[in-house]
């Protein structure tokens, strides 16, 4: 990313109070979340969830900073069009990844191979080897289709970050590698590759966005003598 930031309204001026608001309501919150997004995208963990359909970590910009702060972001756009460009790019690619994950979830969920592997992994013999009585020790109570959806989410996320709230760790450890082979199935491979390609493209945008925001923060801090962060000492009750 070039270190020089393209500016918009050259004749307009801002002051320290506006810069402080930009830091606190837009730039710092965005940087915190985008850095987290980056870590997940680097692992090809899309944080896809099917109910409701969403990317748990890769969130819309408005959701990250809040509706009220959008006015401050739009003000930044007027002065720094590159920020607007990357904001739009992030939103477009996030939507593309969301769509790719929906389609990937669907083809995995409809795969006869998944059903066969699930039935084998939760069979009486398999449960006996795991020293448990039934599948309720693996998944939370609920319909069978929801349990299959939980499993499909982990596969679509390439075996990403695990949550013991929706599946027993010992079960996933035992069968993780087997279930992930489904991604190489001919009926699923193409859609998985689309998700991987879309995720890689979004990662590039996130990396560029982080670099741009850090450089903008450095530039504004230097020009207006405004610290990037304001430290508030904790208050201890006597």
C-alpha atoms as a PDB file:
ATOM      1  CA  UNK A   1       0.000   0.000   0.000  1.00  0.00           C
ATOM      2  CA  UNK A   2       1.427   3.409  -0.961  1.00  0.00           C
ATOM      3  CA  UNK A   3       2.237   5.575   2.035  1.00  0.00           C
ATOM      4  CA  UNK A   4       0.812   8.709   0.410  1.00  0.00           C
ATOM      5  CA  UNK A   5      -2.901   9.097   1.081  1.00  0.00           C
ATOM      6  CA  UNK A   6      -5.037  10.653  -1.635  1.00  0.00           C
ATOM      7  CA  UNK A   7      -7.082  13.559  -0.318  1.00  0.00           C
ATOM      8  CA  UNK A   8     -10.413  14.920  -1.456  1.00  0.00           C
ATOM      9  CA  UNK A   9     -11.533  18.352  -0.200  1.00  0.00           C
ATOM     10  CA  UNK A  10      -8.176  20.127  -0.320  1.00  0.00           C
ATOM     11  CA  UNK A  11      -9.627  23.538   0.594  1.00  0.00           C
ATOM     12  CA  UNK A  12     -11.654  22.282   3.560  1.00  0.00           C
ATOM     13  CA  UNK A  13     -10.165  22.055   7.031  1.00  0.00           C
ATOM     14  CA  UNK A  14     -10.701  19.850  10.037  1.00  0.00           C
ATOM     15  CA  UNK A  15      -9.540  20.361  13.583  1.00  0.00           C
ATOM     16  CA  UNK A  16      -8.375  18.285  16.560  1.00  0.00           C
ATOM     17  CA  UNK A  17     -11.917  17.693  17.842  1.00  0.00           C
ATOM     18  CA  UNK A  18     -13.019  16.195  14.544  1.00  0.00           C
ATOM     19  CA  UNK A  19      -9.868  14.085  14.327  1.00  0.00           C
ATOM     20  CA  UNK A  20     -10.449  12.852  17.891  1.00  0.00           C
ATOM     21  CA  UNK A  21     -13.976  11.808  16.918  1.00  0.00           C
ATOM     22  CA  UNK A  22     -12.686  10.042  13.801  1.00  0.00           C
ATOM     23  CA  UNK A  23     -10.179   8.091  15.887  1.00  0.00           C
ATOM     24  CA  UNK A  24     -12.602   7.087  18.626  1.00  0.00           C
ATOM     25  CA  UNK A  25     -15.715   6.284  16.588  1.00  0.00           C
ATOM     26  CA  UNK A  26     -14.378   5.062  13.244  1.00  0.00           C
ATOM     27  CA  UNK A  27     -10.670   4.432  12.742  1.00  0.00           C
ATOM     28  CA  UNK A  28      -9.788   2.624  15.973  1.00  0.00           C
ATOM     29  CA  UNK A  29     -12.955   0.471  16.087  1.00  0.00           C
ATOM     30  CA  UNK A  30     -12.438  -0.501  12.431  1.00  0.00           C
ATOM     31  CA  UNK A  31      -8.800  -1.380  12.967  1.00  0.00           C
ATOM     32  CA  UNK A  32      -9.596  -3.568  15.982  1.00  0.00           C
ATOM     33  CA  UNK A  33     -12.186  -5.593  14.075  1.00  0.00           C
ATOM     34  CA  UNK A  34     -10.336  -5.732  10.744  1.00  0.00           C
ATOM     35  CA  UNK A  35      -7.260  -7.143  12.498  1.00  0.00           C
ATOM     36  CA  UNK A  36      -9.454  -9.927  13.898  1.00  0.00           C
ATOM     37  CA  UNK A  37     -11.048 -10.518  10.470  1.00  0.00           C
ATOM     38  CA  UNK A  38      -7.564 -10.808   8.996  1.00  0.00           C
ATOM     39  CA  UNK A  39      -6.563 -13.563  11.439  1.00  0.00           C
ATOM     40  CA  UNK A  40      -9.609 -15.659  10.582  1.00  0.00           C
ATOM     41  CA  UNK A  41      -9.330 -15.107   6.831  1.00  0.00           C
ATOM     42  CA  UNK A  42      -5.663 -16.137   6.919  1.00  0.00           C
ATOM     43  CA  UNK A  43      -6.815 -19.521   8.289  1.00  0.00           C
ATOM     44  CA  UNK A  44      -9.635 -19.822   5.705  1.00  0.00           C
ATOM     45  CA  UNK A  45     -12.081 -19.792   8.595  1.00  0.00           C
ATOM     46  CA  UNK A  46     -15.016 -17.825   7.224  1.00  0.00           C
ATOM     47  CA  UNK A  47     -16.870 -17.938  10.581  1.00  0.00           C
ATOM     48  CA  UNK A  48     -19.958 -19.004   8.605  1.00  0.00           C
ATOM     49  CA  UNK A  49     -23.121 -19.647  10.589  1.00  0.00           C
ATOM     50  CA  UNK A  50     -26.280 -20.991   8.992  1.00  0.00           C
ATOM     51  CA  UNK A  51     -28.927 -19.920  11.514  1.00  0.00           C
ATOM     52  CA  UNK A  52     -29.233 -17.060  11.000  1.00  0.00           C
ATOM     53  CA  UNK A  53     -27.110 -16.932   7.868  1.00  0.00           C
ATOM     54  CA  UNK A  54     -24.116 -14.709   8.574  1.00  0.00           C
ATOM     55  CA  UNK A  55     -20.344 -14.447   8.812  1.00  0.00           C
ATOM     56  CA  UNK A  56     -19.893 -14.144  12.550  1.00  0.00           C
ATOM     57  CA  UNK A  57     -16.601 -12.218  12.495  1.00  0.00           C
ATOM     58  CA  UNK A  58     -16.569 -10.717   8.989  1.00  0.00           C
ATOM     59  CA  UNK A  59     -19.224  -8.110   9.649  1.00  0.00           C
ATOM     60  CA  UNK A  60     -20.686  -5.129   7.754  1.00  0.00           C
ATOM     61  CA  UNK A  61     -18.893  -1.838   8.401  1.00  0.00           C
ATOM     62  CA  UNK A  62     -22.029  -0.197   9.807  1.00  0.00           C
ATOM     63  CA  UNK A  63     -22.423  -3.047  12.279  1.00  0.00           C
ATOM     64  CA  UNK A  64     -18.796  -2.642  13.387  1.00  0.00           C
ATOM     65  CA  UNK A  65     -18.876   1.083  14.151  1.00  0.00           C
ATOM     66  CA  UNK A  66     -22.600   1.547  14.800  1.00  0.00           C
ATOM     67  CA  UNK A  67     -25.238   3.526  12.971  1.00  0.00           C
ATOM     68  CA  UNK A  68     -24.452   6.812  14.742  1.00  0.00           C
ATOM     69  CA  UNK A  69     -20.794   6.733  13.683  1.00  0.00           C
ATOM     70  CA  UNK A  70     -21.654   6.360   9.987  1.00  0.00           C
ATOM     71  CA  UNK A  71     -21.932  10.162   9.724  1.00  0.00           C
ATOM     72  CA  UNK A  72     -18.311  10.445  10.865  1.00  0.00           C
ATOM     73  CA  UNK A  73     -17.236   7.796   8.350  1.00  0.00           C
ATOM     74  CA  UNK A  74     -19.033   9.651   5.565  1.00  0.00           C
ATOM     75  CA  UNK A  75     -17.200  12.799   6.624  1.00  0.00           C
ATOM     76  CA  UNK A  76     -13.904  10.936   6.303  1.00  0.00           C
ATOM     77  CA  UNK A  77     -14.954   9.872   2.788  1.00  0.00           C
ATOM     78  CA  UNK A  78     -15.203  13.545   1.774  1.00  0.00           C
ATOM     79  CA  UNK A  79     -11.582  14.151   2.706  1.00  0.00           C
ATOM     80  CA  UNK A  80     -10.080  10.720   1.949  1.00  0.00           C
ATOM     81  CA  UNK A  81     -11.714   8.967  -1.029  1.00  0.00           C
ATOM     82  CA  UNK A  82      -9.409   5.953  -0.703  1.00  0.00           C
ATOM     83  CA  UNK A  83     -11.156   5.117   2.565  1.00  0.00           C
ATOM     84  CA  UNK A  84     -14.506   5.159   0.778  1.00  0.00           C
ATOM     85  CA  UNK A  85     -13.105   2.971  -2.007  1.00  0.00           C
ATOM     86  CA  UNK A  86     -11.841   0.306   0.386  1.00  0.00           C
ATOM     87  CA  UNK A  87     -14.981   0.476   2.523  1.00  0.00           C
ATOM     88  CA  UNK A  88     -17.112  -0.280  -0.545  1.00  0.00           C
ATOM     89  CA  UNK A  89     -14.695  -2.975  -1.661  1.00  0.00           C
ATOM     90  CA  UNK A  90     -14.838  -4.622   1.758  1.00  0.00           C
ATOM     91  CA  UNK A  91     -18.638  -4.636   1.748  1.00  0.00           C
ATOM     92  CA  UNK A  92     -18.862  -6.044  -1.787  1.00  0.00           C
ATOM     93  CA  UNK A  93     -16.361  -8.826  -1.142  1.00  0.00           C
ATOM     94  CA  UNK A  94     -17.910  -9.636   2.225  1.00  0.00           C
ATOM     95  CA  UNK A  95     -21.243 -10.136   0.455  1.00  0.00           C
ATOM     96  CA  UNK A  96     -19.548 -12.319  -2.159  1.00  0.00           C
ATOM     97  CA  UNK A  97     -18.023 -14.488   0.572  1.00  0.00           C
ATOM     98  CA  UNK A  98     -21.358 -14.723   2.375  1.00  0.00           C
ATOM     99  CA  UNK A  99     -23.014 -15.912  -0.845  1.00  0.00           C
ATOM    100  CA  UNK A 100     -20.197 -18.387  -1.505  1.00  0.00           C
ATOM    101  CA  UNK A 101     -20.581 -19.809   2.014  1.00  0.00           C
ATOM    102  CA  UNK A 102     -24.349 -20.180   1.607  1.00  0.00           C
ATOM    103  CA  UNK A 103     -23.841 -22.170  -1.591  1.00  0.00           C
ATOM    104  CA  UNK A 104     -21.020 -24.223  -0.102  1.00  0.00           C
ATOM    105  CA  UNK A 105     -23.148 -25.065   2.930  1.00  0.00           C
ATOM    106  CA  UNK A 106     -25.967 -26.174   0.643  1.00  0.00           C
ATOM    107  CA  UNK A 107     -23.870 -28.535  -1.498  1.00  0.00           C
ATOM    108  CA  UNK A 108     -22.190 -30.051   1.564  1.00  0.00           C
ATOM    109  CA  UNK A 109     -25.473 -30.428   3.392  1.00  0.00           C
ATOM    110  CA  UNK A 110     -27.093 -32.173   0.409  1.00  0.00           C
ATOM    111  CA  UNK A 111     -24.140 -34.515  -0.122  1.00  0.00           C
ATOM    112  CA  UNK A 112     -24.988 -38.213   0.296  1.00  0.00           C
ATOM    113  CA  UNK A 113     -21.409 -38.678   1.459  1.00  0.00           C
ATOM    114  CA  UNK A 114     -21.968 -36.377   4.432  1.00  0.00           C
ATOM    115  CA  UNK A 115     -25.083 -38.281   5.471  1.00  0.00           C
ATOM    116  CA  UNK A 116     -23.257 -41.571   5.178  1.00  0.00           C
ATOM    117  CA  UNK A 117     -20.277 -40.359   7.212  1.00  0.00           C
ATOM    118  CA  UNK A 118     -22.551 -38.815   9.842  1.00  0.00           C
ATOM    119  CA  UNK A 119     -24.545 -42.038  10.199  1.00  0.00           C
ATOM    120  CA  UNK A 120     -21.345 -44.056  10.558  1.00  0.00           C
ATOM    121  CA  UNK A 121     -19.820 -41.643  13.083  1.00  0.00           C
ATOM    122  CA  UNK A 122     -22.976 -41.681  15.220  1.00  0.00           C
ATOM    123  CA  UNK A 123     -23.689 -45.375  14.863  1.00  0.00           C
ATOM    124  CA  UNK A 124     -23.957 -47.583  17.936  1.00  0.00           C
ATOM    125  CA  UNK A 125     -20.525 -49.080  17.265  1.00  0.00           C
ATOM    126  CA  UNK A 126     -18.868 -45.684  16.871  1.00  0.00           C
ATOM    127  CA  UNK A 127     -20.533 -44.281  19.978  1.00  0.00           C
ATOM    128  CA  UNK A 128     -19.408 -47.326  21.909  1.00  0.00           C
ATOM    129  CA  UNK A 129     -15.789 -46.720  20.843  1.00  0.00           C
ATOM    130  CA  UNK A 130     -16.120 -43.146  22.055  1.00  0.00           C
ATOM    131  CA  UNK A 131     -17.555 -44.480  25.313  1.00  0.00           C
ATOM    132  CA  UNK A 132     -20.809 -42.542  25.092  1.00  0.00           C
ATOM    133  CA  UNK A 133     -24.421 -43.666  24.975  1.00  0.00           C
ATOM    134  CA  UNK A 134     -26.050 -41.547  22.273  1.00  0.00           C
ATOM    135  CA  UNK A 135     -25.632 -38.507  20.010  1.00  0.00           C
ATOM    136  CA  UNK A 136     -27.062 -36.215  22.686  1.00  0.00           C
ATOM    137  CA  UNK A 137     -23.607 -36.438  24.274  1.00  0.00           C
ATOM    138  CA  UNK A 138     -22.182 -34.945  21.064  1.00  0.00           C
ATOM    139  CA  UNK A 139     -24.688 -32.289  20.030  1.00  0.00           C
ATOM    140  CA  UNK A 140     -27.119 -30.140  22.007  1.00  0.00           C
ATOM    141  CA  UNK A 141     -30.729 -31.247  22.064  1.00  0.00           C
ATOM    142  CA  UNK A 142     -32.558 -30.468  18.861  1.00  0.00           C
ATOM    143  CA  UNK A 143     -33.712 -31.932  15.559  1.00  0.00           C
ATOM    144  CA  UNK A 144     -31.359 -34.117  13.549  1.00  0.00           C
ATOM    145  CA  UNK A 145     -31.261 -31.589  10.706  1.00  0.00           C
ATOM    146  CA  UNK A 146     -29.832 -28.937  13.052  1.00  0.00           C
ATOM    147  CA  UNK A 147     -27.082 -31.288  14.157  1.00  0.00           C
ATOM    148  CA  UNK A 148     -26.202 -31.850  10.517  1.00  0.00           C
ATOM    149  CA  UNK A 149     -26.157 -28.094   9.989  1.00  0.00           C
ATOM    150  CA  UNK A 150     -23.719 -27.655  12.885  1.00  0.00           C
ATOM    151  CA  UNK A 151     -21.431 -30.236  11.354  1.00  0.00           C
ATOM    152  CA  UNK A 152     -21.727 -28.663   7.899  1.00  0.00           C
ATOM    153  CA  UNK A 153     -20.709 -25.264   9.283  1.00  0.00           C
ATOM    154  CA  UNK A 154     -17.432 -26.665  10.578  1.00  0.00           C
ATOM    155  CA  UNK A 155     -16.703 -28.310   7.258  1.00  0.00           C
ATOM    156  CA  UNK A 156     -17.527 -25.151   5.290  1.00  0.00           C
ATOM    157  CA  UNK A 157     -15.199 -23.212   7.617  1.00  0.00           C
ATOM    158  CA  UNK A 158     -12.359 -25.642   6.872  1.00  0.00           C
ATOM    159  CA  UNK A 159     -12.413 -26.979  10.409  1.00  0.00           C
ATOM    160  CA  UNK A 160     -12.034 -23.501  11.874  1.00  0.00           C
ATOM    161  CA  UNK A 161     -12.246 -22.334  15.461  1.00  0.00           C
ATOM    162  CA  UNK A 162     -14.106 -24.857  17.552  1.00  0.00           C
ATOM    163  CA  UNK A 163     -16.984 -24.183  19.922  1.00  0.00           C
ATOM    164  CA  UNK A 164     -17.789 -26.810  22.531  1.00  0.00           C
ATOM    165  CA  UNK A 165     -21.282 -25.293  22.824  1.00  0.00           C
ATOM    166  CA  UNK A 166     -22.452 -26.935  19.604  1.00  0.00           C
ATOM    167  CA  UNK A 167     -20.379 -30.096  19.358  1.00  0.00           C
ATOM    168  CA  UNK A 168     -18.390 -32.269  21.752  1.00  0.00           C
ATOM    169  CA  UNK A 169     -14.621 -31.712  21.273  1.00  0.00           C
ATOM    170  CA  UNK A 170     -13.785 -35.414  21.430  1.00  0.00           C
ATOM    171  CA  UNK A 171     -16.154 -36.149  18.545  1.00  0.00           C
ATOM    172  CA  UNK A 172     -14.676 -33.453  16.297  1.00  0.00           C
ATOM    173  CA  UNK A 173     -11.113 -34.499  17.131  1.00  0.00           C
ATOM    174  CA  UNK A 174     -11.922 -38.091  16.215  1.00  0.00           C
ATOM    175  CA  UNK A 175     -13.595 -37.395  12.873  1.00  0.00           C
ATOM    176  CA  UNK A 176     -12.399 -33.919  11.830  1.00  0.00           C
ATOM    177  CA  UNK A 177      -9.984 -35.029   9.098  1.00  0.00           C
ATOM    178  CA  UNK A 178     -12.477 -37.539   7.717  1.00  0.00           C
ATOM    179  CA  UNK A 179     -15.273 -34.980   7.466  1.00  0.00           C
ATOM    180  CA  UNK A 180     -13.002 -32.405   5.819  1.00  0.00           C
ATOM    181  CA  UNK A 181     -12.291 -34.808   2.955  1.00  0.00           C
ATOM    182  CA  UNK A 182     -15.816 -33.993   1.787  1.00  0.00           C
ATOM    183  CA  UNK A 183     -14.440 -30.688   0.463  1.00  0.00           C
ATOM    184  CA  UNK A 184     -12.526 -32.669  -2.170  1.00  0.00           C
ATOM    185  CA  UNK A 185     -15.653 -34.454  -3.373  1.00  0.00           C
ATOM    186  CA  UNK A 186     -16.260 -33.676  -7.089  1.00  0.00           C
ATOM    187  CA  UNK A 187     -19.744 -32.308  -6.367  1.00  0.00           C
ATOM    188  CA  UNK A 188     -18.359 -29.911  -3.732  1.00  0.00           C
ATOM    189  CA  UNK A 189     -14.826 -29.076  -4.849  1.00  0.00           C
ATOM    190  CA  UNK A 190     -15.744 -26.292  -7.299  1.00  0.00           C
ATOM    191  CA  UNK A 191     -17.874 -24.419  -4.797  1.00  0.00           C
ATOM    192  CA  UNK A 192     -15.208 -24.789  -2.119  1.00  0.00           C
ATOM    193  CA  UNK A 193     -12.603 -23.362  -4.484  1.00  0.00           C
ATOM    194  CA  UNK A 194     -14.906 -20.398  -5.167  1.00  0.00           C
ATOM    195  CA  UNK A 195     -15.166 -19.744  -1.441  1.00  0.00           C
ATOM    196  CA  UNK A 196     -11.383 -20.003  -1.048  1.00  0.00           C
ATOM    197  CA  UNK A 197     -10.786 -17.610  -3.939  1.00  0.00           C
ATOM    198  CA  UNK A 198     -13.356 -15.137  -2.611  1.00  0.00           C
ATOM    199  CA  UNK A 199     -11.876 -15.329   0.877  1.00  0.00           C
ATOM    200  CA  UNK A 200      -8.379 -14.725  -0.475  1.00  0.00           C
ATOM    201  CA  UNK A 201      -9.593 -11.656  -2.378  1.00  0.00           C
ATOM    202  CA  UNK A 202     -11.307 -10.294   0.744  1.00  0.00           C
ATOM    203  CA  UNK A 203      -8.132 -10.885   2.761  1.00  0.00           C
ATOM    204  CA  UNK A 204      -6.169  -8.729   0.303  1.00  0.00           C
ATOM    205  CA  UNK A 205      -8.720  -5.954   0.723  1.00  0.00           C
ATOM    206  CA  UNK A 206      -8.638  -6.222   4.522  1.00  0.00           C
ATOM    207  CA  UNK A 207      -4.832  -6.059   4.542  1.00  0.00           C
ATOM    208  CA  UNK A 208      -4.922  -2.959   2.331  1.00  0.00           C
ATOM    209  CA  UNK A 209      -7.655  -1.394   4.462  1.00  0.00           C
ATOM    210  CA  UNK A 210      -5.668  -1.947   7.666  1.00  0.00           C
ATOM    211  CA  UNK A 211      -2.548  -0.399   6.110  1.00  0.00           C
ATOM    212  CA  UNK A 212      -4.509   2.613   4.845  1.00  0.00           C
ATOM    213  CA  UNK A 213      -6.231   3.265   8.177  1.00  0.00           C
ATOM    214  CA  UNK A 214      -2.972   2.965  10.120  1.00  0.00           C
ATOM    215  CA  UNK A 215      -1.251   5.388   7.782  1.00  0.00           C
ATOM    216  CA  UNK A 216      -4.195   7.797   7.962  1.00  0.00           C
ATOM    217  CA  UNK A 217      -4.161   7.608  11.756  1.00  0.00           C
ATOM    218  CA  UNK A 218      -0.415   8.290  11.831  1.00  0.00           C
ATOM    219  CA  UNK A 219      -0.788  11.229   9.432  1.00  0.00           C
ATOM    220  CA  UNK A 220      -3.689  12.827  11.304  1.00  0.00           C
ATOM    221  CA  UNK A 221      -2.064  12.301  14.686  1.00  0.00           C
ATOM    222  CA  UNK A 222       1.097  14.058  13.507  1.00  0.00           C
ATOM    223  CA  UNK A 223      -0.667  16.903  11.705  1.00  0.00           C
ATOM    224  CA  UNK A 224      -3.169  17.748  14.443  1.00  0.00           C
ATOM    225  CA  UNK A 225      -1.186  16.709  17.527  1.00  0.00           C
ATOM    226  CA  UNK A 226      -3.917  14.260  18.531  1.00  0.00           C
ATOM    227  CA  UNK A 227      -2.858  10.960  20.132  1.00  0.00           C
ATOM    228  CA  UNK A 228      -4.253   7.841  18.435  1.00  0.00           C
ATOM    229  CA  UNK A 229      -5.678   6.674  21.756  1.00  0.00           C
ATOM    230  CA  UNK A 230      -6.840   8.425  24.892  1.00  0.00           C
ATOM    231  CA  UNK A 231      -5.953   6.487  28.014  1.00  0.00           C
ATOM    232  CA  UNK A 232      -8.489   6.635  30.825  1.00  0.00           C
ATOM    233  CA  UNK A 233      -7.133   5.470  34.134  1.00  0.00           C
ATOM    234  CA  UNK A 234      -9.325   2.905  35.882  1.00  0.00           C
ATOM    235  CA  UNK A 235     -11.375   4.150  38.816  1.00  0.00           C
ATOM    236  CA  UNK A 236     -11.129   2.027  41.946  1.00  0.00           C
ATOM    237  CA  UNK A 237     -13.808   2.159  44.589  1.00  0.00           C
ATOM    238  CA  UNK A 238     -12.531   2.872  48.068  1.00  0.00           C
END
